N, C-alpha and C. Protein backbone atom coordinates (compact mmCIF):
# COMPACT_ATOMS: atom_id res chain seq x y z
N MET A 1 -10.99 23.94 -9.92
CA MET A 1 -11.12 22.82 -10.97
C MET A 1 -9.77 22.92 -11.54
N LYS A 2 -9.26 23.73 -11.71
CA LYS A 2 -7.99 24.16 -12.16
C LYS A 2 -6.80 22.68 -11.57
N TYR A 3 -7.07 23.27 -10.33
CA TYR A 3 -5.98 21.92 -9.39
C TYR A 3 -6.25 20.83 -9.54
N PHE A 4 -7.49 20.39 -9.67
CA PHE A 4 -7.76 18.90 -9.51
C PHE A 4 -7.39 18.45 -10.93
N LEU A 5 -8.04 19.18 -11.90
CA LEU A 5 -7.80 18.43 -13.76
C LEU A 5 -5.69 18.59 -13.79
N ARG A 6 -5.03 19.22 -13.05
CA ARG A 6 -3.78 19.93 -13.26
C ARG A 6 -3.33 18.56 -12.64
N THR A 7 -4.10 18.30 -11.16
CA THR A 7 -3.41 16.80 -10.62
C THR A 7 -3.89 15.69 -10.67
N LEU A 8 -5.07 15.71 -11.63
CA LEU A 8 -5.72 14.55 -12.40
C LEU A 8 -4.35 13.89 -13.54
N ILE A 9 -4.65 15.27 -14.27
CA ILE A 9 -3.70 15.74 -15.65
C ILE A 9 -2.06 15.22 -15.21
N GLY A 10 -1.57 15.49 -14.24
CA GLY A 10 0.39 15.26 -14.24
C GLY A 10 0.40 13.92 -13.53
N LEU A 11 -0.24 13.35 -12.77
CA LEU A 11 -0.20 11.88 -11.99
C LEU A 11 -0.55 10.76 -13.46
N GLY A 12 -1.70 10.78 -14.12
CA GLY A 12 -2.16 10.30 -15.21
C GLY A 12 -0.43 9.86 -15.96
N LEU A 13 -0.20 11.32 -16.40
CA LEU A 13 0.57 11.26 -17.02
C LEU A 13 2.48 11.20 -16.45
N LEU A 14 2.53 11.07 -15.29
CA LEU A 14 3.57 9.97 -14.77
C LEU A 14 3.58 9.18 -14.53
N CYS A 15 2.38 8.80 -14.44
CA CYS A 15 2.51 7.04 -14.01
C CYS A 15 2.43 6.20 -14.88
N GLY A 16 2.00 6.69 -16.35
CA GLY A 16 1.90 6.35 -17.36
C GLY A 16 2.50 6.33 -18.28
N SER A 17 4.04 7.21 -18.50
CA SER A 17 5.25 7.62 -18.97
C SER A 17 6.25 6.55 -17.83
N ILE A 18 6.14 6.11 -16.45
CA ILE A 18 6.84 5.64 -15.79
C ILE A 18 6.65 4.19 -16.55
N THR A 19 5.81 3.90 -16.83
CA THR A 19 4.67 2.43 -16.68
C THR A 19 6.00 1.92 -18.61
N ALA A 20 5.53 3.12 -19.15
CA ALA A 20 5.96 2.86 -20.60
C ALA A 20 7.41 2.83 -20.75
N ILE A 21 7.85 3.60 -20.02
CA ILE A 21 9.65 3.28 -19.84
C ILE A 21 9.86 2.01 -19.07
N SER A 22 9.19 1.60 -18.22
CA SER A 22 10.12 0.16 -17.76
C SER A 22 9.40 -1.08 -18.79
N TYR A 23 8.29 -0.29 -19.27
CA TYR A 23 8.08 -1.58 -19.85
C TYR A 23 9.01 -1.86 -21.66
N GLY A 24 9.29 -0.66 -21.80
CA GLY A 24 10.43 -0.51 -23.37
C GLY A 24 12.10 -0.99 -22.72
N VAL A 25 11.78 -0.67 -20.62
CA VAL A 25 13.74 -1.66 -21.12
C VAL A 25 13.27 -2.55 -20.80
N PHE A 26 12.11 -3.28 -20.58
CA PHE A 26 11.69 -4.82 -20.15
C PHE A 26 11.96 -5.60 -21.49
N GLN A 27 11.44 -4.73 -22.28
CA GLN A 27 11.46 -5.55 -23.76
C GLN A 27 12.77 -5.30 -24.64
N MET A 28 13.33 -3.80 -24.07
CA MET A 28 14.70 -4.42 -24.74
C MET A 28 15.45 -5.77 -24.16
N LEU A 29 15.62 -5.60 -22.96
CA LEU A 29 16.12 -7.30 -22.04
C LEU A 29 16.09 -8.46 -22.88
N GLN A 30 14.56 -8.21 -23.35
CA GLN A 30 14.16 -9.83 -24.05
C GLN A 30 14.67 -9.71 -25.35
N ILE A 31 15.63 -9.00 -25.98
CA ILE A 31 15.63 -8.50 -27.02
C ILE A 31 17.52 -8.29 -27.41
N GLY A 32 17.86 -8.20 -26.49
CA GLY A 32 19.59 -8.34 -25.98
C GLY A 32 20.47 -7.30 -27.05
N THR A 33 21.88 -7.55 -27.14
CA THR A 33 22.64 -7.38 -27.80
C THR A 33 22.42 -7.54 -29.26
N CYS A 34 21.74 -6.25 -30.37
CA CYS A 34 21.51 -6.67 -31.62
C CYS A 34 22.12 -5.38 -32.41
N ALA A 35 22.06 -5.56 -33.56
CA ALA A 35 22.94 -4.35 -34.68
C ALA A 35 21.94 -5.19 -35.64
N SER A 36 21.77 -3.93 -35.88
CA SER A 36 20.77 -3.71 -38.34
C SER A 36 21.17 -2.98 -38.90
N GLY A 37 21.49 -3.52 -40.19
CA GLY A 37 22.07 -2.71 -41.80
C GLY A 37 23.16 -2.43 -40.72
N GLY A 38 23.76 -1.23 -42.61
CA GLY A 38 25.41 -1.22 -42.58
C GLY A 38 26.17 -2.30 -42.03
N PRO A 39 27.27 -1.49 -41.64
CA PRO A 39 28.54 -2.71 -41.23
C PRO A 39 28.34 -3.65 -40.74
N TYR A 40 27.21 -3.50 -39.86
CA TYR A 40 26.75 -5.10 -38.31
C TYR A 40 26.77 -6.04 -39.58
N GLU A 41 27.11 -6.94 -40.24
CA GLU A 41 26.61 -8.17 -40.94
C GLU A 41 27.26 -9.08 -39.97
N ILE A 42 28.60 -9.24 -39.20
CA ILE A 42 27.98 -10.42 -38.50
C ILE A 42 27.95 -10.47 -36.83
N ALA A 43 26.63 -9.33 -37.04
CA ALA A 43 26.20 -8.75 -35.76
C ALA A 43 24.81 -9.52 -35.26
N ARG A 44 24.31 -10.39 -34.36
CA ARG A 44 22.81 -10.29 -34.53
C ARG A 44 22.05 -9.47 -34.73
N GLU A 45 21.21 -9.58 -35.97
CA GLU A 45 20.48 -8.77 -36.20
C GLU A 45 19.34 -8.35 -35.47
N CYS A 46 19.14 -7.17 -34.47
CA CYS A 46 17.55 -6.80 -34.53
C CYS A 46 15.67 -7.35 -34.92
N PRO A 47 15.18 -8.12 -34.10
CA PRO A 47 14.22 -8.02 -34.45
C PRO A 47 13.16 -6.99 -34.73
N GLU A 48 12.15 -7.70 -35.82
CA GLU A 48 10.89 -6.38 -36.48
C GLU A 48 10.72 -5.93 -34.95
N GLY A 49 10.45 -3.85 -34.84
CA GLY A 49 10.00 -3.53 -33.74
C GLY A 49 10.95 -2.69 -32.83
N THR A 50 12.18 -3.54 -33.12
CA THR A 50 13.22 -2.97 -32.03
C THR A 50 13.01 -1.51 -32.06
N GLU A 51 13.28 -0.59 -33.07
CA GLU A 51 13.28 0.89 -32.99
C GLU A 51 11.67 1.32 -32.25
N ALA A 52 10.60 0.45 -32.35
CA ALA A 52 9.36 1.21 -31.23
C ALA A 52 10.05 1.30 -29.98
N VAL A 53 10.38 -0.14 -29.51
CA VAL A 53 10.22 0.03 -28.61
C VAL A 53 11.56 0.78 -27.63
N ALA A 54 12.91 0.83 -28.61
CA ALA A 54 13.67 1.71 -27.72
C ALA A 54 12.86 3.15 -27.81
N LEU A 55 12.29 3.65 -28.77
CA LEU A 55 11.94 4.99 -28.90
C LEU A 55 10.76 5.16 -27.53
N ALA A 56 10.01 4.25 -27.17
CA ALA A 56 9.41 4.01 -26.14
C ALA A 56 9.83 4.59 -24.88
N ILE A 57 11.02 4.13 -24.69
CA ILE A 57 12.03 5.34 -23.41
C ILE A 57 11.93 6.73 -23.33
N PRO A 58 12.72 7.11 -24.58
CA PRO A 58 13.22 9.13 -24.22
C PRO A 58 11.97 9.44 -24.79
N ILE A 59 10.64 8.98 -25.50
CA ILE A 59 9.14 9.29 -25.52
C ILE A 59 8.50 9.48 -24.25
N GLY A 60 9.09 8.42 -23.34
CA GLY A 60 8.24 8.58 -21.85
C GLY A 60 9.19 9.38 -20.83
N ILE A 61 10.13 9.52 -21.20
CA ILE A 61 11.01 10.42 -20.59
C ILE A 61 10.31 11.85 -20.48
N PHE A 62 10.62 12.71 -21.60
CA PHE A 62 10.15 13.57 -22.26
C PHE A 62 8.23 13.77 -21.51
N VAL A 63 7.35 13.10 -21.86
CA VAL A 63 6.28 13.27 -21.77
C VAL A 63 6.49 12.68 -19.49
N MET A 64 7.20 11.83 -19.10
CA MET A 64 7.19 12.56 -17.41
C MET A 64 7.79 13.56 -17.30
N LEU A 65 8.56 14.67 -17.83
CA LEU A 65 8.68 15.38 -17.48
C LEU A 65 7.58 16.60 -17.34
N GLY A 66 6.88 16.16 -18.58
CA GLY A 66 6.11 17.41 -18.65
C GLY A 66 4.58 16.57 -17.92
N GLY A 67 4.49 16.15 -16.83
CA GLY A 67 3.39 15.62 -16.23
C GLY A 67 3.99 16.13 -15.05
N ALA A 68 5.63 16.16 -14.72
CA ALA A 68 5.93 16.77 -13.60
C ALA A 68 5.86 17.71 -13.51
N GLY A 69 6.09 18.89 -14.35
CA GLY A 69 5.77 20.16 -14.57
C GLY A 69 4.38 20.89 -14.64
N LEU A 70 3.50 19.74 -15.03
CA LEU A 70 2.20 20.21 -14.82
C LEU A 70 1.31 19.83 -13.39
N TYR A 71 2.12 19.31 -12.59
CA TYR A 71 2.06 18.73 -10.94
C TYR A 71 2.03 19.28 -10.46
N ALA A 72 3.92 20.11 -11.12
CA ALA A 72 3.78 20.35 -9.98
C ALA A 72 3.68 22.39 -9.68
N ILE A 73 3.43 22.89 -10.79
CA ILE A 73 2.66 23.98 -10.84
C ILE A 73 0.47 24.08 -10.52
N ARG A 74 0.12 23.00 -10.12
CA ARG A 74 -1.18 22.67 -9.75
C ARG A 74 -1.57 23.68 -8.63
N GLY A 75 -0.82 24.57 -8.10
CA GLY A 75 -1.26 25.52 -6.87
C GLY A 75 -1.43 25.15 -5.70
N ALA A 76 -2.24 25.84 -4.97
CA ALA A 76 -2.81 25.25 -3.73
C ALA A 76 -4.73 24.91 -4.13
N PRO A 77 -4.76 23.71 -3.03
CA PRO A 77 -6.24 23.30 -3.40
C PRO A 77 -7.12 24.42 -2.51
N PRO A 78 -8.33 24.23 -3.37
CA PRO A 78 -9.52 25.28 -3.31
C PRO A 78 -9.99 25.16 -0.81
N GLY A 79 -9.71 26.50 -1.40
CA GLY A 79 -9.67 26.32 0.91
C GLY A 79 -8.61 26.56 1.36
N SER A 80 -7.31 25.84 0.60
CA SER A 80 -6.32 26.11 1.52
C SER A 80 -5.79 27.02 0.63
N GLU A 81 -4.32 28.20 1.76
CA GLU A 81 -3.35 28.92 0.64
C GLU A 81 -2.17 28.17 0.38
N LYS A 82 -2.34 26.81 0.84
CA LYS A 82 -0.72 25.90 1.58
C LYS A 82 -0.33 25.48 -0.19
N ARG A 83 0.82 25.51 -0.96
CA ARG A 83 0.90 24.97 -1.77
C ARG A 83 1.58 24.11 -1.93
N GLY A 84 1.83 23.20 -3.30
CA GLY A 84 2.32 21.71 -2.91
C GLY A 84 4.12 21.82 -3.36
N ASP A 85 4.89 21.04 -1.89
CA ASP A 85 5.88 20.94 -2.38
C ASP A 85 6.58 20.84 -3.17
N PRO A 86 7.32 21.62 -4.08
CA PRO A 86 7.72 21.10 -5.47
C PRO A 86 9.25 20.16 -5.21
N ALA A 87 9.89 20.61 -4.19
CA ALA A 87 11.01 19.25 -3.51
C ALA A 87 10.33 17.97 -3.70
N LEU A 88 9.43 18.14 -2.74
CA LEU A 88 8.66 16.77 -2.57
C LEU A 88 8.38 16.24 -4.38
N SER A 89 7.72 16.98 -4.56
CA SER A 89 7.90 16.33 -6.65
C SER A 89 8.60 16.03 -7.03
N MET A 90 9.31 16.44 -6.68
CA MET A 90 11.10 16.00 -7.43
C MET A 90 11.40 14.78 -7.10
N LEU A 91 11.02 14.74 -5.93
CA LEU A 91 11.96 13.53 -4.98
C LEU A 91 10.92 12.29 -5.19
N ILE A 92 9.22 12.80 -5.34
CA ILE A 92 8.66 11.23 -5.60
C ILE A 92 8.89 10.39 -7.34
N LEU A 93 9.41 12.08 -8.13
CA LEU A 93 9.74 11.44 -9.39
C LEU A 93 10.87 10.55 -9.61
N TRP A 94 11.73 11.06 -8.81
CA TRP A 94 12.69 10.45 -8.61
C TRP A 94 13.04 9.02 -8.49
N SER A 95 12.04 8.71 -7.24
CA SER A 95 11.94 7.51 -6.52
C SER A 95 11.42 6.75 -7.66
N GLY A 96 10.16 7.19 -8.41
CA GLY A 96 8.90 6.38 -9.62
C GLY A 96 9.59 5.76 -9.94
N LEU A 97 11.06 7.13 -11.04
CA LEU A 97 11.79 6.61 -12.45
C LEU A 97 12.34 4.90 -12.11
N PHE A 98 13.62 5.45 -11.23
CA PHE A 98 14.03 4.15 -10.45
C PHE A 98 13.62 3.52 -10.17
N LEU A 99 12.77 3.11 -9.32
CA LEU A 99 12.39 2.11 -9.01
C LEU A 99 11.43 1.32 -9.80
N GLY A 100 10.95 1.64 -11.10
CA GLY A 100 10.50 1.52 -11.99
C GLY A 100 11.02 0.74 -13.01
N ILE A 101 12.11 1.33 -12.96
CA ILE A 101 13.15 0.59 -14.31
C ILE A 101 13.83 -0.07 -13.35
N GLY A 102 14.40 -0.09 -12.22
CA GLY A 102 14.77 -1.59 -11.11
C GLY A 102 13.99 -2.27 -11.95
N PHE A 103 12.83 -2.57 -11.09
CA PHE A 103 12.03 -3.46 -10.90
C PHE A 103 11.74 -4.24 -11.90
N ALA A 104 12.04 -3.61 -13.29
CA ALA A 104 11.34 -4.00 -14.88
C ALA A 104 12.39 -4.10 -15.29
N CYS A 105 14.12 -4.62 -15.05
CA CYS A 105 14.87 -4.86 -14.99
C CYS A 105 14.85 -6.61 -15.13
N PHE A 106 14.33 -6.43 -13.08
CA PHE A 106 14.64 -7.66 -12.46
C PHE A 106 13.27 -8.67 -13.26
N TRP A 107 11.80 -8.03 -13.62
CA TRP A 107 11.11 -8.92 -14.07
C TRP A 107 11.74 -9.26 -15.78
N GLY A 108 12.19 -8.82 -16.36
CA GLY A 108 13.31 -9.31 -17.83
C GLY A 108 14.42 -10.59 -17.59
N VAL A 109 14.65 -9.89 -16.55
CA VAL A 109 15.74 -11.65 -16.01
C VAL A 109 14.57 -12.77 -14.98
N TRP A 110 14.27 -12.31 -14.17
CA TRP A 110 13.85 -13.49 -12.72
C TRP A 110 12.14 -13.81 -13.74
N GLY A 111 11.12 -12.75 -13.74
CA GLY A 111 10.35 -12.73 -14.29
C GLY A 111 9.56 -13.75 -14.92
N PRO A 112 8.52 -14.59 -14.62
CA PRO A 112 7.97 -15.83 -15.19
C PRO A 112 7.61 -16.14 -16.59
N ASN A 113 8.17 -14.88 -17.55
CA ASN A 113 7.80 -15.03 -18.88
C ASN A 113 9.25 -14.30 -19.37
N ALA A 114 10.30 -14.41 -18.69
CA ALA A 114 10.79 -13.54 -18.86
C ALA A 114 11.98 -13.93 -20.06
N ASN A 115 12.94 -14.17 -21.06
CA ASN A 115 13.71 -14.58 -21.98
C ASN A 115 14.47 -14.19 -22.27
N PRO A 116 15.68 -13.34 -21.33
CA PRO A 116 16.32 -12.16 -21.96
C PRO A 116 17.23 -12.72 -22.83
N GLY A 117 18.09 -11.81 -24.14
CA GLY A 117 18.59 -12.28 -25.18
C GLY A 117 20.26 -12.11 -24.92
N PRO A 118 21.07 -11.76 -25.90
CA PRO A 118 22.32 -12.08 -25.03
C PRO A 118 22.86 -10.78 -24.42
N GLY A 119 23.51 -10.90 -23.87
CA GLY A 119 23.93 -9.63 -22.51
C GLY A 119 22.79 -9.18 -21.84
N GLY A 120 21.12 -9.46 -21.81
CA GLY A 120 20.61 -8.81 -21.36
C GLY A 120 20.03 -8.81 -20.01
N GLU A 121 20.98 -10.38 -19.16
CA GLU A 121 20.70 -11.10 -18.24
C GLU A 121 21.94 -10.00 -17.48
N LEU A 122 22.80 -10.24 -17.44
CA LEU A 122 23.74 -8.74 -17.22
C LEU A 122 23.34 -7.48 -17.16
N GLY A 123 23.26 -7.57 -18.01
CA GLY A 123 22.71 -5.96 -18.33
C GLY A 123 21.69 -5.30 -17.34
N GLY A 124 21.08 -5.71 -17.41
CA GLY A 124 19.46 -6.72 -16.42
C GLY A 124 20.00 -6.28 -14.85
N LEU A 125 20.54 -6.42 -14.07
CA LEU A 125 20.80 -7.20 -12.91
C LEU A 125 21.69 -6.28 -12.71
N ILE A 126 22.40 -5.29 -13.26
CA ILE A 126 23.34 -4.35 -13.51
C ILE A 126 22.71 -3.34 -13.15
N VAL A 127 21.48 -2.85 -13.97
CA VAL A 127 20.62 -1.94 -13.49
C VAL A 127 20.07 -1.87 -12.61
N GLY A 128 19.37 -3.12 -12.33
CA GLY A 128 18.52 -3.15 -11.56
C GLY A 128 19.33 -2.99 -10.10
N PHE A 129 20.37 -3.39 -9.53
CA PHE A 129 20.62 -3.91 -7.99
C PHE A 129 20.96 -1.88 -8.57
N LEU A 130 21.40 -1.15 -9.12
CA LEU A 130 21.70 0.52 -9.18
C LEU A 130 20.73 0.93 -8.95
N PHE A 131 20.07 0.70 -9.79
CA PHE A 131 18.65 2.07 -9.19
C PHE A 131 17.32 1.39 -8.58
N ILE A 132 17.51 -0.15 -7.61
CA ILE A 132 16.25 -0.08 -6.57
C ILE A 132 16.86 1.00 -5.52
N PRO A 133 18.52 0.61 -4.69
CA PRO A 133 18.88 1.37 -3.88
C PRO A 133 18.39 3.55 -4.45
N MET A 134 18.61 3.83 -5.26
CA MET A 134 18.60 4.86 -6.04
C MET A 134 17.06 5.63 -5.49
N GLY A 135 16.58 4.30 -6.07
CA GLY A 135 15.47 4.82 -5.96
C GLY A 135 14.37 4.97 -4.47
N ALA A 136 14.98 3.82 -3.12
CA ALA A 136 14.86 3.45 -2.62
C ALA A 136 15.21 4.43 -1.21
N ILE A 137 16.28 4.73 -1.49
CA ILE A 137 16.92 5.61 0.04
C ILE A 137 16.53 6.91 -0.40
N PRO A 138 15.60 8.03 -0.84
CA PRO A 138 15.04 9.09 -0.76
C PRO A 138 14.06 8.71 -0.30
N LEU A 139 13.08 7.49 0.01
CA LEU A 139 12.23 7.57 0.26
C LEU A 139 12.71 6.71 2.35
N PHE A 140 13.30 6.25 2.52
CA PHE A 140 13.82 6.31 3.50
C PHE A 140 13.81 7.35 4.86
N ALA A 141 15.01 8.01 3.28
CA ALA A 141 15.13 9.50 3.88
C ALA A 141 13.99 10.50 4.26
N LEU A 142 12.89 10.72 3.53
CA LEU A 142 11.63 10.88 3.44
C LEU A 142 11.55 10.92 5.00
N LEU A 143 11.02 9.34 5.01
CA LEU A 143 10.01 8.83 5.93
C LEU A 143 10.80 9.35 7.61
N GLY A 144 12.31 9.41 7.24
CA GLY A 144 12.67 9.73 8.80
C GLY A 144 13.08 10.90 8.79
N ALA A 145 12.61 11.90 8.29
CA ALA A 145 12.67 13.38 8.11
C ALA A 145 11.18 13.29 8.95
N LYS A 146 10.00 12.71 8.05
CA LYS A 146 8.91 13.17 9.08
C LYS A 146 8.62 12.64 10.38
N LYS A 147 9.35 11.73 10.56
CA LYS A 147 9.39 11.30 11.83
C LYS A 147 10.26 11.65 12.90
N GLY A 148 11.45 12.46 12.14
CA GLY A 148 11.64 13.59 13.22
C GLY A 148 10.81 14.56 13.48
N LYS A 149 10.04 14.91 12.62
CA LYS A 149 9.23 16.43 12.56
C LYS A 149 8.18 15.54 14.04
N GLU A 150 7.74 14.72 13.94
CA GLU A 150 6.06 14.52 14.61
C GLU A 150 7.06 14.77 15.86
N LYS A 151 7.96 13.70 15.95
CA LYS A 151 9.04 13.58 17.62
C LYS A 151 8.66 15.39 17.84
N VAL A 152 9.03 15.97 17.05
CA VAL A 152 9.09 17.71 17.31
C VAL A 152 8.52 18.19 17.50
N SER A 153 7.10 18.08 16.93
CA SER A 153 5.56 18.18 17.60
C SER A 153 5.34 18.04 17.92
N ALA A 154 5.23 16.70 18.86
CA ALA A 154 5.01 16.50 19.28
C ALA A 154 5.89 16.90 21.48
N ARG A 155 6.98 17.27 21.42
CA ARG A 155 7.67 18.07 22.42
C ARG A 155 7.41 18.93 22.55
N LEU A 156 6.78 19.91 21.10
CA LEU A 156 5.98 21.50 21.66
C LEU A 156 5.00 21.32 22.10
N LYS A 157 4.13 19.92 21.18
CA LYS A 157 2.63 20.26 22.72
C LYS A 157 3.00 20.48 23.93
N LEU A 158 3.41 19.79 24.42
CA LEU A 158 4.39 19.02 25.67
C LEU A 158 4.69 19.98 26.65
N ALA A 159 5.56 21.39 26.11
CA ALA A 159 5.57 22.37 26.41
C ALA A 159 4.65 24.22 26.13
N GLU A 160 4.26 23.28 25.56
CA GLU A 160 3.09 24.37 25.57
C GLU A 160 2.14 24.42 26.50
N ALA A 161 2.17 22.71 27.01
CA ALA A 161 1.10 22.42 27.36
C ALA A 161 1.10 22.71 28.93
N MET A 162 2.63 23.08 29.28
CA MET A 162 2.94 23.24 30.45
C MET A 162 2.98 24.94 31.29
N GLN A 163 2.64 25.71 29.27
CA GLN A 163 2.55 26.89 30.04
C GLN A 163 1.32 26.87 30.62
N VAL A 164 1.53 27.07 31.93
CA VAL A 164 -0.04 27.42 32.55
C VAL A 164 0.14 28.54 33.90
N GLN A 165 -0.58 29.16 34.03
CA GLN A 165 -0.42 30.80 34.73
C GLN A 165 -0.46 29.74 36.36
N PRO A 166 -0.17 30.05 37.49
CA PRO A 166 -0.48 29.32 38.55
C PRO A 166 -1.13 30.55 39.27
N ALA A 167 -2.21 29.77 39.72
CA ALA A 167 -3.36 30.76 40.51
C ALA A 167 -2.49 31.10 42.07
N LYS A 168 -3.21 32.37 42.51
CA LYS A 168 -2.51 33.07 43.21
C LYS A 168 -3.35 32.56 44.32
N PRO A 169 -2.82 32.59 45.37
CA PRO A 169 -3.36 32.25 46.38
C PRO A 169 -4.39 33.22 47.13
N LYS A 170 -5.91 33.04 47.70
CA LYS A 170 -6.42 34.12 48.47
C LYS A 170 -5.77 34.60 49.59
N SER A 171 -5.20 33.42 50.55
CA SER A 171 -5.13 34.08 51.54
C SER A 171 -3.30 34.84 51.68
N SER A 172 -3.07 35.59 52.05
CA SER A 172 -1.54 36.59 52.25
C SER A 172 -1.17 36.89 51.00
N PRO A 173 -1.83 38.01 50.61
CA PRO A 173 -1.52 38.33 49.03
C PRO A 173 -0.15 38.46 48.89
N GLY A 174 0.66 38.86 49.79
CA GLY A 174 2.06 38.88 49.51
C GLY A 174 2.77 37.66 49.45
N PHE A 175 2.12 36.66 49.62
CA PHE A 175 2.88 35.67 49.33
C PHE A 175 3.05 35.11 47.92
N GLU A 176 3.70 34.41 47.64
CA GLU A 176 4.41 34.04 45.93
C GLU A 176 4.30 32.65 46.38
N ARG A 177 3.26 31.56 45.80
CA ARG A 177 3.70 30.53 45.44
C ARG A 177 5.41 30.13 44.42
N PRO A 178 5.65 28.66 45.08
CA PRO A 178 7.09 28.28 44.31
C PRO A 178 6.04 27.79 43.12
N THR A 179 6.99 27.93 41.93
CA THR A 179 6.22 26.93 41.13
C THR A 179 6.89 26.64 40.01
N THR A 180 8.85 26.30 40.24
CA THR A 180 9.56 26.02 39.27
C THR A 180 9.15 24.63 39.22
N ALA A 181 9.79 24.10 40.49
CA ALA A 181 9.68 22.32 41.07
C ALA A 181 8.24 22.04 40.51
N ALA A 182 7.18 22.50 40.58
CA ALA A 182 6.17 22.01 40.34
C ALA A 182 6.07 21.72 38.59
N SER A 183 6.56 22.86 38.38
CA SER A 183 6.47 22.86 36.97
C SER A 183 7.77 21.44 36.32
N SER A 184 9.00 21.75 36.69
CA SER A 184 10.04 20.55 36.35
C SER A 184 9.24 18.75 36.76
N GLY A 185 7.66 19.13 37.39
CA GLY A 185 7.57 17.80 37.58
C GLY A 185 6.53 17.32 37.38
N LYS A 186 5.89 18.29 36.33
CA LYS A 186 4.84 18.07 35.90
C LYS A 186 5.39 17.58 34.16
N LEU A 187 6.20 18.77 34.20
CA LEU A 187 7.09 18.11 32.48
C LEU A 187 7.52 16.73 32.51
N ALA A 188 8.28 16.41 33.20
CA ALA A 188 9.18 15.09 33.54
C ALA A 188 7.69 14.36 33.22
N GLU A 189 6.57 14.47 34.09
CA GLU A 189 5.66 13.51 34.08
C GLU A 189 5.09 13.45 32.46
N LEU A 190 4.84 14.27 32.35
CA LEU A 190 4.20 14.31 30.81
C LEU A 190 5.17 13.87 29.74
N GLU A 191 6.85 13.90 30.27
CA GLU A 191 7.02 13.47 29.18
C GLU A 191 7.15 11.75 29.28
N ARG A 192 6.55 11.40 30.33
CA ARG A 192 7.27 10.15 30.85
C ARG A 192 5.62 9.24 29.86
N LEU A 193 4.52 10.12 29.94
CA LEU A 193 3.32 10.15 29.36
C LEU A 193 3.78 9.34 27.68
N GLN A 194 4.02 10.61 27.81
CA GLN A 194 4.67 10.72 26.33
C GLN A 194 5.32 8.95 25.51
N ARG A 195 6.19 8.69 26.71
CA ARG A 195 7.06 8.00 26.03
C ARG A 195 5.60 6.61 25.94
N LEU A 196 5.74 6.61 26.73
CA LEU A 196 4.55 5.32 27.04
C LEU A 196 3.31 5.01 26.24
N ARG A 197 3.41 6.77 25.17
CA ARG A 197 2.26 6.55 24.40
C ARG A 197 2.67 6.33 22.92
N GLU A 198 3.95 6.65 22.90
CA GLU A 198 4.92 5.85 22.13
C GLU A 198 5.63 4.81 21.99
N GLN A 199 5.10 3.96 23.25
CA GLN A 199 5.91 2.67 23.09
C GLN A 199 4.47 1.60 23.07
N GLY A 200 3.62 1.85 23.15
CA GLY A 200 2.12 1.60 23.09
C GLY A 200 1.09 1.21 24.22
N ALA A 201 1.72 1.56 25.47
CA ALA A 201 1.33 1.08 26.52
C ALA A 201 0.17 1.82 27.18
N ILE A 202 -0.28 2.92 25.59
CA ILE A 202 -1.64 3.37 26.23
C ILE A 202 -1.62 4.08 25.19
N ASP A 203 -3.25 4.78 25.02
CA ASP A 203 -3.62 4.34 23.58
C ASP A 203 -3.84 6.22 23.96
N GLU A 204 -4.45 6.64 23.52
CA GLU A 204 -4.80 7.70 22.73
C GLU A 204 -5.69 8.91 24.06
N ALA A 205 -6.94 8.12 24.21
CA ALA A 205 -7.56 8.56 25.06
C ALA A 205 -6.97 8.67 26.25
N GLU A 206 -6.68 7.67 27.00
CA GLU A 206 -5.60 7.55 28.14
C GLU A 206 -4.23 8.33 27.99
N PHE A 207 -3.80 8.74 27.55
CA PHE A 207 -2.92 9.43 27.41
C PHE A 207 -3.86 10.79 27.82
N ALA A 208 -4.36 10.78 26.77
CA ALA A 208 -5.47 13.06 26.91
C ALA A 208 -6.10 12.72 28.94
N HIS A 209 -6.85 11.38 28.88
CA HIS A 209 -6.86 11.91 30.48
C HIS A 209 -6.02 12.16 31.70
N LEU A 210 -4.74 11.43 31.34
CA LEU A 210 -3.60 11.55 32.38
C LEU A 210 -2.80 12.56 31.76
N LYS A 211 -3.14 13.10 30.86
CA LYS A 211 -2.58 14.66 30.72
C LYS A 211 -3.34 15.55 31.73
N GLY A 212 -4.56 15.51 31.84
CA GLY A 212 -5.18 16.25 31.74
C GLY A 212 -5.35 16.25 33.65
N GLU A 213 -4.80 15.68 34.49
CA GLU A 213 -4.99 15.06 35.29
C GLU A 213 -3.84 15.56 35.62
N VAL A 214 -3.10 16.09 34.51
CA VAL A 214 -1.13 16.74 35.32
C VAL A 214 -0.87 17.93 35.50
N ILE A 215 -1.86 18.19 34.74
CA ILE A 215 -2.11 19.69 34.34
C ILE A 215 -3.05 20.17 35.47
N ASP A 216 -3.38 19.79 35.66
CA ASP A 216 -4.81 20.33 36.76
C ASP A 216 -3.80 20.61 38.01
N SER A 217 -3.66 19.30 38.47
CA SER A 217 -2.76 19.09 39.56
C SER A 217 -2.38 19.87 39.83
């Protein structure tokens, strides 16, 4: 029960905080550069409510860190001993934050209701073009690493499938059947079938059937 509550609350805080931060960035772009009180008499006065919008950004960051911490300590799911990966959680947090702010900047400049204030357009474009790659590159790296692991796993399964004990001949008990060439031929054929499956030339059922024929031959 604790696992599900921590997961639900942690993800809720993460999504809510990133939304609040992105909304704050959007609103600040609409306000633009301004100043209130003190010696800033010739500066453009900030509209009412600017302080509340500005506070939404740091408050959202603190709430986001709390949600990330709660999600990271959620533990293992019921019935499993495998715990969550903290590095993966931090990667998702990083990408979500930077992508959220980057899209908010573009929306604040190019969105249908966008009306950026003085300096808002240039600042929003600079931050948007900087933050979007910072959030997207780690995700592409994660996908590439996942595909690499899947290929390695497929090769290991092929290697395990080739570990077949040769049957002893019924006649001539002292005769030992040469298996090196046969094993090499089977491995090459299984690798060929694996490539055909990855290319989409054969489906999973055909691959399993053909692999069984090669192993049994």
